[in-house]
Amino acid sequence: MDSAILSLLGAFLLSIIGLFVFIWSLRKGLLMENPKAAATIFARGEVGKADDPALGEQAQGRFPQAVSAAHGEGEGEAEDPQ
């Protein structure tokens, strides 16, 4: 047989074995993530706060107004959803 055919056959068999290992690990729960991990992206009260050090104080003061205008809340401070 040609070496290209052997390498393609080997790659196919390796992918099938990998697929079965992946399915087995899903059934055993080895790849389960902590559902609370997504909740730790933002600390309480952090949503909507500008933390870009490149922004000046004036730009950071305009950030809540820009967020509220983008969400259609009208003028004024953006409300904290928590």
Protein backbone atom coordinates (compact mmCIF):
# COMPACT_ATOMS: atom_id res chain seq x y z
CA MET A 1 0.00 0.00 0.00
CA ASP A 2 0.98 3.56 -0.54
CA SER A 3 2.28 5.51 2.47
CA ALA A 4 -0.39 8.20 1.94
CA ILE A 5 -3.16 5.62 2.25
CA LEU A 6 -1.59 4.16 5.39
CA SER A 7 -1.25 7.57 7.00
CA LEU A 8 -4.86 8.47 6.14
CA LEU A 9 -6.07 5.15 7.53
CA GLY A 10 -4.04 5.69 10.69
CA ALA A 11 -5.43 9.20 11.13
CA PHE A 12 -8.97 7.91 10.64
CA LEU A 13 -8.53 5.12 13.19
CA LEU A 14 -6.94 7.53 15.66
CA SER A 15 -9.86 9.95 15.28
CA ILE A 16 -12.40 7.15 15.85
CA ILE A 17 -10.55 6.06 18.99
CA GLY A 18 -10.44 9.67 20.15
CA LEU A 19 -14.18 10.00 19.54
CA PHE A 20 -14.93 6.96 21.68
CA VAL A 21 -12.63 8.23 24.46
CA PHE A 22 -14.40 11.59 24.33
CA ILE A 23 -17.86 9.96 24.55
CA TRP A 24 -16.66 7.76 27.42
CA SER A 25 -15.32 10.77 29.33
CA LEU A 26 -18.63 12.61 28.85
CA ARG A 27 -20.55 9.64 30.21
CA LYS A 28 -18.23 9.38 33.22
CA GLY A 29 -18.59 13.11 33.90
CA LEU A 30 -14.88 13.84 33.54
CA LEU A 31 -15.49 17.01 31.52
CA MET A 32 -18.17 18.53 33.71
CA GLU A 33 -17.50 22.16 34.54
CA ASN A 34 -18.52 23.97 37.68
CA PRO A 35 -21.76 25.83 36.83
CA LYS A 36 -20.94 28.47 39.44
CA ALA A 37 -17.71 29.34 37.63
CA ALA A 38 -19.54 31.60 35.19
CA ALA A 39 -20.94 33.63 38.07
CA THR A 40 -17.47 34.64 39.21
CA ILE A 41 -16.66 36.68 36.10
CA PHE A 42 -18.04 39.83 37.70
CA ALA A 43 -17.99 40.67 41.38
CA ARG A 44 -21.19 41.97 42.98
CA GLY A 45 -21.79 45.54 41.86
CA GLU A 46 -19.08 45.45 39.21
CA VAL A 47 -21.36 45.26 36.16
CA GLY A 48 -21.44 48.54 34.29
CA LYS A 49 -18.37 50.00 35.95
CA ALA A 50 -15.52 51.31 33.78
CA ASP A 51 -12.18 49.88 34.78
CA ASP A 52 -10.10 50.92 31.78
CA PRO A 53 -7.01 52.69 33.12
CA ALA A 54 -6.53 54.39 29.75
CA LEU A 55 -9.75 56.37 30.25
CA GLY A 56 -9.53 59.69 32.00
CA GLU A 57 -11.83 60.65 34.85
CA GLN A 58 -14.12 62.57 32.50
CA ALA A 59 -14.46 59.58 30.14
CA GLN A 60 -15.11 57.23 33.06
CA GLY A 61 -17.86 59.58 34.24
CA ARG A 62 -19.53 59.42 30.82
CA PHE A 63 -19.42 55.61 30.69
CA PRO A 64 -22.63 54.93 32.73
CA GLN A 65 -24.54 57.43 30.60
CA ALA A 66 -23.32 55.75 27.42
CA VAL A 67 -24.37 52.34 28.74
CA SER A 68 -27.82 53.56 29.73
CA ALA A 69 -28.28 55.25 26.34
CA ALA A 70 -27.24 52.06 24.55
CA HIS A 71 -29.80 50.06 26.54
CA GLY A 72 -32.56 52.60 26.00
CA GLU A 73 -32.84 53.62 29.64
CA GLY A 74 -32.79 57.31 28.83
CA GLU A 75 -30.57 59.90 30.48
CA GLY A 76 -28.88 59.52 33.83
CA GLU A 77 -26.93 56.91 35.65
CA ALA A 78 -27.04 53.28 34.61
CA GLU A 79 -28.78 51.09 37.16
CA ASP A 80 -26.97 48.17 38.70
CA PRO A 81 -28.98 45.03 37.81
CA GLN A 82 -28.06 43.27 41.06
